[in-house]
Amino acid sequence: MTLDAYRPHVEGVLDLLVRAALVLRVTPNLLSVLSFFLAFAGGLLYAAGSVAGGLAGVAANAVCDSVDGALARATGQQGPRGDFLDHAIDRYADIFIITGIFAGGFAPWQVGVFALTGVLMSSYLGTQAQAVGMGRYYGGLLGRADRLVLLMVASVLDLAVGVPVRGLPFLGWLLVLFGLLGHFTALQRFVWVWRQMP
C-alpha cells in the first residue's frame, strides 16, 4: 500500500521543483531544515485548532521532504550526513504533527499516544533493519508518504464536512488508523527482518 512505490509516477513534478530549487540555489539540507520548521508550524496550528493552518504546514512539509532527496540526487550531494539529517527531521515532524492533532482536541491523548508509538516504531524498525545488517526495509502497510497524504485528506474532510463521526473528527479517526496500521506495519517489518537474519 505504501505510496513510496509510486514515486516514479510523480517524477515530472519533482523535476520541475528540483529545477526551481537549483535556480534559487537552495541546498538539500536547507530544504530538510525548512521541512522541520514547516512541520513544527503545522503541529502548532493543529494544536491551536486551525485545521486549514495545519493542512498548509503538512502540505508544505510534504513538498520539502520530497524535493530534498531528489535535489541531493540531482546535484550529487547524496551522503550519510544528509540522510541522517533527513531521517532525524522526519521523526520530529511526525511528533510535531501528531502531537499537535491530539493537543488540539481532535482526539483523546490516549489515541494520540497510540498513533505516535505506532508511527515511531514502524519507522524505527525500517531503519533498524540496516543496523543489524539487513539493509533498510520499508515494506508494510503504512509508510511516511501514506501518512502525509492521509493527513491532508483527513484535514480536507474535516474542513469540508465539519461534523464529527461517532464523536471524533476525521483527524481523530486518522490517529486511530495510524495507531492500528503503524503497529501492524512495525510487526510486519520485525517479522521480515527476523526471518532474514541467519
C-alpha atoms as a PDB file:
ATOM      1  CA  MET A   1       0.000   0.000   0.000  1.00  0.00           C
ATOM      2  CA  THR A   2       2.911   2.386   0.554  1.00  0.00           C
ATOM      3  CA  LEU A   3       2.849   5.317  -1.837  1.00  0.00           C
ATOM      4  CA  ASP A   4       6.658   5.311  -1.996  1.00  0.00           C
ATOM      5  CA  ALA A   5       6.287   2.718  -4.763  1.00  0.00           C
ATOM      6  CA  TYR A   6       4.542   5.354  -6.910  1.00  0.00           C
ATOM      7  CA  ARG A   7       7.365   7.901  -6.758  1.00  0.00           C
ATOM      8  CA  PRO A   8       8.317   7.243 -10.428  1.00  0.00           C
ATOM      9  CA  HIS A   9       4.847   8.475 -11.459  1.00  0.00           C
ATOM     10  CA  VAL A  10       5.421  11.926  -9.941  1.00  0.00           C
ATOM     11  CA  GLU A  11       8.968  12.395 -11.152  1.00  0.00           C
ATOM     12  CA  GLY A  12       7.871  15.006 -13.698  1.00  0.00           C
ATOM     13  CA  VAL A  13       6.550  17.255 -10.938  1.00  0.00           C
ATOM     14  CA  LEU A  14       9.628  16.571  -8.804  1.00  0.00           C
ATOM     15  CA  ASP A  15      11.884  17.506 -11.714  1.00  0.00           C
ATOM     16  CA  LEU A  16      10.156  20.894 -12.002  1.00  0.00           C
ATOM     17  CA  LEU A  17      10.569  21.525  -8.277  1.00  0.00           C
ATOM     18  CA  VAL A  18      14.217  20.444  -8.388  1.00  0.00           C
ATOM     19  CA  ARG A  19      14.863  22.855 -11.267  1.00  0.00           C
ATOM     20  CA  ALA A  20      13.213  25.660  -9.294  1.00  0.00           C
ATOM     21  CA  ALA A  21      15.392  24.819  -6.268  1.00  0.00           C
ATOM     22  CA  LEU A  22      18.514  24.904  -8.467  1.00  0.00           C
ATOM     23  CA  VAL A  23      17.573  28.338  -9.821  1.00  0.00           C
ATOM     24  CA  LEU A  24      17.028  29.598  -6.264  1.00  0.00           C
ATOM     25  CA  ARG A  25      20.331  27.988  -5.149  1.00  0.00           C
ATOM     26  CA  VAL A  26      18.597  26.020  -2.410  1.00  0.00           C
ATOM     27  CA  THR A  27      20.553  23.100  -0.932  1.00  0.00           C
ATOM     28  CA  PRO A  28      19.058  19.714   0.033  1.00  0.00           C
ATOM     29  CA  ASN A  29      19.955  20.246   3.692  1.00  0.00           C
ATOM     30  CA  LEU A  30      18.281  23.651   3.689  1.00  0.00           C
ATOM     31  CA  LEU A  31      15.090  22.030   2.390  1.00  0.00           C
ATOM     32  CA  SER A  32      15.314  19.376   5.108  1.00  0.00           C
ATOM     33  CA  VAL A  33      15.670  22.037   7.805  1.00  0.00           C
ATOM     34  CA  LEU A  34      12.818  24.035   6.255  1.00  0.00           C
ATOM     35  CA  SER A  35      10.622  20.919   6.380  1.00  0.00           C
ATOM     36  CA  PHE A  36      11.374  20.706  10.126  1.00  0.00           C
ATOM     37  CA  PHE A  37      10.040  24.211  10.760  1.00  0.00           C
ATOM     38  CA  LEU A  38       7.041  23.682   8.486  1.00  0.00           C
ATOM     39  CA  ALA A  39       6.074  20.525  10.407  1.00  0.00           C
ATOM     40  CA  PHE A  40       6.549  22.423  13.677  1.00  0.00           C
ATOM     41  CA  ALA A  41       4.305  25.222  12.408  1.00  0.00           C
ATOM     42  CA  GLY A  42       1.725  22.699  11.197  1.00  0.00           C
ATOM     43  CA  GLY A  43       1.690  20.996  14.593  1.00  0.00           C
ATOM     44  CA  LEU A  44       1.278  24.316  16.410  1.00  0.00           C
ATOM     45  CA  LEU A  45      -1.589  25.301  14.122  1.00  0.00           C
ATOM     46  CA  TYR A  46      -3.373  21.968  14.675  1.00  0.00           C
ATOM     47  CA  ALA A  47      -2.844  22.440  18.421  1.00  0.00           C
ATOM     48  CA  ALA A  48      -4.421  25.896  18.129  1.00  0.00           C
ATOM     49  CA  GLY A  49      -7.450  24.304  16.450  1.00  0.00           C
ATOM     50  CA  SER A  50      -6.689  25.501  12.931  1.00  0.00           C
ATOM     51  CA  VAL A  51      -7.252  22.625  10.518  1.00  0.00           C
ATOM     52  CA  ALA A  52      -6.532  24.821   7.486  1.00  0.00           C
ATOM     53  CA  GLY A  53      -3.258  26.031   9.002  1.00  0.00           C
ATOM     54  CA  GLY A  54      -2.214  22.519   9.967  1.00  0.00           C
ATOM     55  CA  LEU A  55      -3.064  21.307   6.478  1.00  0.00           C
ATOM     56  CA  ALA A  56      -0.898  24.036   4.931  1.00  0.00           C
ATOM     57  CA  GLY A  57       2.019  23.077   7.189  1.00  0.00           C
ATOM     58  CA  VAL A  58       1.700  19.377   6.377  1.00  0.00           C
ATOM     59  CA  ALA A  59       1.425  20.020   2.628  1.00  0.00           C
ATOM     60  CA  ALA A  60       4.475  22.301   2.624  1.00  0.00           C
ATOM     61  CA  ASN A  61       6.419  19.783   4.739  1.00  0.00           C
ATOM     62  CA  ALA A  62       5.500  17.024   2.282  1.00  0.00           C
ATOM     63  CA  VAL A  63       6.784  19.068  -0.672  1.00  0.00           C
ATOM     64  CA  CYS A  64      10.111  19.890   1.011  1.00  0.00           C
ATOM     65  CA  ASP A  65      10.512  16.300   2.182  1.00  0.00           C
ATOM     66  CA  SER A  66      10.006  15.015  -1.369  1.00  0.00           C
ATOM     67  CA  VAL A  67      12.270  17.543  -3.045  1.00  0.00           C
ATOM     68  CA  ASP A  68      15.287  17.395  -0.699  1.00  0.00           C
ATOM     69  CA  GLY A  69      16.200  13.823  -1.658  1.00  0.00           C
ATOM     70  CA  ALA A  70      15.543  14.408  -5.364  1.00  0.00           C
ATOM     71  CA  LEU A  71      17.681  17.553  -5.254  1.00  0.00           C
ATOM     72  CA  ALA A  72      20.504  15.695  -3.473  1.00  0.00           C
ATOM     73  CA  ARG A  73      20.469  13.022  -6.183  1.00  0.00           C
ATOM     74  CA  ALA A  74      20.353  15.591  -8.999  1.00  0.00           C
ATOM     75  CA  THR A  75      23.328  17.536  -7.617  1.00  0.00           C
ATOM     76  CA  GLY A  76      25.409  14.564  -6.475  1.00  0.00           C
ATOM     77  CA  GLN A  77      25.140  15.643  -2.844  1.00  0.00           C
ATOM     78  CA  GLN A  78      23.826  12.339  -1.526  1.00  0.00           C
ATOM     79  CA  GLY A  79      25.640  11.186   1.565  1.00  0.00           C
ATOM     80  CA  PRO A  80      25.248   9.761   5.054  1.00  0.00           C
ATOM     81  CA  ARG A  81      25.139  13.191   6.713  1.00  0.00           C
ATOM     82  CA  GLY A  82      22.174  14.399   4.654  1.00  0.00           C
ATOM     83  CA  ASP A  83      20.445  11.055   5.025  1.00  0.00           C
ATOM     84  CA  PHE A  84      20.901  11.137   8.804  1.00  0.00           C
ATOM     85  CA  LEU A  85      19.589  14.708   8.975  1.00  0.00           C
ATOM     86  CA  ASP A  86      16.569  13.823   6.844  1.00  0.00           C
ATOM     87  CA  HIS A  87      15.599  10.828   8.992  1.00  0.00           C
ATOM     88  CA  ALA A  88      16.005  12.740  12.251  1.00  0.00           C
ATOM     89  CA  ILE A  89      13.847  15.591  10.945  1.00  0.00           C
ATOM     90  CA  ASP A  90      11.192  13.190   9.632  1.00  0.00           C
ATOM     91  CA  ARG A  91      10.762  11.699  13.097  1.00  0.00           C
ATOM     92  CA  TYR A  92      10.463  15.132  14.692  1.00  0.00           C
ATOM     93  CA  ALA A  93       7.948  16.077  12.001  1.00  0.00           C
ATOM     94  CA  ASP A  94       5.856  13.020  12.902  1.00  0.00           C
ATOM     95  CA  ILE A  95       5.991  14.008  16.582  1.00  0.00           C
ATOM     96  CA  PHE A  96       5.078  17.658  15.943  1.00  0.00           C
ATOM     97  CA  ILE A  97       2.137  16.888  13.671  1.00  0.00           C
ATOM     98  CA  ILE A  98       0.570  14.015  15.615  1.00  0.00           C
ATOM     99  CA  THR A  99       1.047  15.755  18.972  1.00  0.00           C
ATOM    100  CA  GLY A 100      -0.483  18.920  17.520  1.00  0.00           C
ATOM    101  CA  ILE A 101      -3.564  16.997  16.411  1.00  0.00           C
ATOM    102  CA  PHE A 102      -4.354  15.476  19.784  1.00  0.00           C
ATOM    103  CA  ALA A 103      -3.252  18.618  21.669  1.00  0.00           C
ATOM    104  CA  GLY A 104      -5.789  20.498  19.563  1.00  0.00           C
ATOM    105  CA  GLY A 105      -8.567  18.269  20.853  1.00  0.00           C
ATOM    106  CA  PHE A 106      -9.132  16.298  17.646  1.00  0.00           C
ATOM    107  CA  ALA A 107      -8.540  13.050  19.569  1.00  0.00           C
ATOM    108  CA  PRO A 108      -8.038  11.985  23.212  1.00  0.00           C
ATOM    109  CA  TRP A 109      -4.417  11.906  24.325  1.00  0.00           C
ATOM    110  CA  GLN A 110      -4.568   8.111  24.669  1.00  0.00           C
ATOM    111  CA  VAL A 111      -5.381   7.824  20.960  1.00  0.00           C
ATOM    112  CA  GLY A 112      -2.585  10.294  20.191  1.00  0.00           C
ATOM    113  CA  VAL A 113      -0.023   8.247  22.115  1.00  0.00           C
ATOM    114  CA  PHE A 114      -1.238   5.068  20.398  1.00  0.00           C
ATOM    115  CA  ALA A 115      -0.773   6.744  16.992  1.00  0.00           C
ATOM    116  CA  LEU A 116       2.590   8.243  17.879  1.00  0.00           C
ATOM    117  CA  THR A 117       4.085   4.999  19.160  1.00  0.00           C
ATOM    118  CA  GLY A 118       2.822   3.106  16.101  1.00  0.00           C
ATOM    119  CA  VAL A 119       4.326   5.625  13.703  1.00  0.00           C
ATOM    120  CA  LEU A 120       7.652   5.854  15.529  1.00  0.00           C
ATOM    121  CA  MET A 121       8.046   2.084  15.943  1.00  0.00           C
ATOM    122  CA  SER A 122       7.291   1.361  12.295  1.00  0.00           C
ATOM    123  CA  SER A 123       9.854   3.978  11.230  1.00  0.00           C
ATOM    124  CA  TYR A 124      12.399   2.719  13.769  1.00  0.00           C
ATOM    125  CA  LEU A 125      12.166  -0.879  12.611  1.00  0.00           C
ATOM    126  CA  GLY A 126      12.546   0.202   8.985  1.00  0.00           C
ATOM    127  CA  THR A 127      15.970   1.681   9.745  1.00  0.00           C
ATOM    128  CA  GLN A 128      16.928  -0.797  12.486  1.00  0.00           C
ATOM    129  CA  ALA A 129      16.990  -3.475   9.797  1.00  0.00           C
ATOM    130  CA  GLN A 130      20.072  -1.717   8.417  1.00  0.00           C
ATOM    131  CA  ALA A 131      21.706  -1.636  11.850  1.00  0.00           C
ATOM    132  CA  VAL A 132      21.595  -5.442  12.014  1.00  0.00           C
ATOM    133  CA  GLY A 133      22.970  -5.841   8.505  1.00  0.00           C
ATOM    134  CA  MET A 134      19.735  -6.497   6.571  1.00  0.00           C
ATOM    135  CA  GLY A 135      19.621  -3.155   4.745  1.00  0.00           C
ATOM    136  CA  ARG A 136      16.765  -0.721   5.169  1.00  0.00           C
ATOM    137  CA  TYR A 137      13.318  -2.183   4.873  1.00  0.00           C
ATOM    138  CA  TYR A 138      10.277  -0.001   4.294  1.00  0.00           C
ATOM    139  CA  GLY A 139       7.712  -2.669   3.437  1.00  0.00           C
ATOM    140  CA  GLY A 140       4.394  -2.998   5.178  1.00  0.00           C
ATOM    141  CA  LEU A 141       1.066  -1.233   5.104  1.00  0.00           C
ATOM    142  CA  LEU A 142       1.861   2.310   6.199  1.00  0.00           C
ATOM    143  CA  GLY A 143       4.816   4.402   5.033  1.00  0.00           C
ATOM    144  CA  ARG A 144       5.570   8.101   5.572  1.00  0.00           C
ATOM    145  CA  ALA A 145       4.230   9.149   2.173  1.00  0.00           C
ATOM    146  CA  ASP A 146       0.956   7.373   3.007  1.00  0.00           C
ATOM    147  CA  ARG A 147       0.720   9.206   6.322  1.00  0.00           C
ATOM    148  CA  LEU A 148       1.238  12.613   4.768  1.00  0.00           C
ATOM    149  CA  VAL A 149      -1.375  12.026   2.081  1.00  0.00           C
ATOM    150  CA  LEU A 150      -3.873  10.669   4.631  1.00  0.00           C
ATOM    151  CA  LEU A 151      -3.252  13.684   6.894  1.00  0.00           C
ATOM    152  CA  MET A 152      -4.089  16.017   4.036  1.00  0.00           C
ATOM    153  CA  VAL A 153      -7.191  14.024   3.059  1.00  0.00           C
ATOM    154  CA  ALA A 154      -8.491  13.915   6.660  1.00  0.00           C
ATOM    155  CA  SER A 155      -7.862  17.647   7.071  1.00  0.00           C
ATOM    156  CA  VAL A 156      -9.761  18.437   3.872  1.00  0.00           C
ATOM    157  CA  LEU A 157     -12.652  16.217   5.008  1.00  0.00           C
ATOM    158  CA  ASP A 158     -12.803  17.981   8.379  1.00  0.00           C
ATOM    159  CA  LEU A 159     -12.844  21.349   6.623  1.00  0.00           C
ATOM    160  CA  ALA A 160     -15.480  20.246   4.109  1.00  0.00           C
ATOM    161  CA  VAL A 161     -17.774  18.240   6.412  1.00  0.00           C
ATOM    162  CA  GLY A 162     -17.076  19.780   9.791  1.00  0.00           C
ATOM    163  CA  VAL A 163     -19.189  17.208  11.655  1.00  0.00           C
ATOM    164  CA  PRO A 164     -17.640  14.548  13.939  1.00  0.00           C
ATOM    165  CA  VAL A 165     -18.306  10.901  13.122  1.00  0.00           C
ATOM    166  CA  ARG A 166     -19.261   8.972  16.273  1.00  0.00           C
ATOM    167  CA  GLY A 167     -17.678  11.623  18.452  1.00  0.00           C
ATOM    168  CA  LEU A 168     -14.401  12.068  16.572  1.00  0.00           C
ATOM    169  CA  PRO A 169     -13.472  14.321  13.651  1.00  0.00           C
ATOM    170  CA  PHE A 170     -11.750  12.730  10.662  1.00  0.00           C
ATOM    171  CA  LEU A 171      -8.336  13.716  12.056  1.00  0.00           C
ATOM    172  CA  GLY A 172      -9.162  11.851  15.261  1.00  0.00           C
ATOM    173  CA  TRP A 173     -10.164   8.708  13.382  1.00  0.00           C
ATOM    174  CA  LEU A 174      -6.997   9.069  11.339  1.00  0.00           C
ATOM    175  CA  LEU A 175      -4.921   8.849  14.522  1.00  0.00           C
ATOM    176  CA  VAL A 176      -6.764   5.645  15.407  1.00  0.00           C
ATOM    177  CA  LEU A 177      -5.836   4.341  11.951  1.00  0.00           C
ATOM    178  CA  PHE A 178      -2.216   5.468  12.386  1.00  0.00           C
ATOM    179  CA  GLY A 179      -2.033   3.536  15.656  1.00  0.00           C
ATOM    180  CA  LEU A 180      -3.523   0.352  14.227  1.00  0.00           C
ATOM    181  CA  LEU A 181      -1.645   0.358  10.924  1.00  0.00           C
ATOM    182  CA  GLY A 182       1.548   1.759  12.450  1.00  0.00           C
ATOM    183  CA  HIS A 183       1.859  -1.059  14.965  1.00  0.00           C
ATOM    184  CA  PHE A 184       0.843  -3.623  12.356  1.00  0.00           C
ATOM    185  CA  THR A 185       3.495  -2.252   9.968  1.00  0.00           C
ATOM    186  CA  ALA A 186       6.067  -2.409  12.790  1.00  0.00           C
ATOM    187  CA  LEU A 187       5.138  -6.055  13.315  1.00  0.00           C
ATOM    188  CA  GLN A 188       5.409  -6.773   9.574  1.00  0.00           C
ATOM    189  CA  ARG A 189       8.881  -5.221   9.470  1.00  0.00           C
ATOM    190  CA  PHE A 190      10.007  -7.034  12.604  1.00  0.00           C
ATOM    191  CA  VAL A 191       8.891 -10.400  11.202  1.00  0.00           C
ATOM    192  CA  TRP A 192      10.554  -9.723   7.827  1.00  0.00           C
ATOM    193  CA  VAL A 193      13.895  -8.774   9.417  1.00  0.00           C
ATOM    194  CA  TRP A 194      13.725 -11.669  11.893  1.00  0.00           C
ATOM    195  CA  ARG A 195      13.229 -14.145   9.069  1.00  0.00           C
ATOM    196  CA  GLN A 196      16.132 -12.715   7.064  1.00  0.00           C
ATOM    197  CA  MET A 197      18.594 -12.987   9.944  1.00  0.00           C
ATOM    198  CA  PRO A 198      20.875 -16.064   9.997  1.00  0.00           C
END
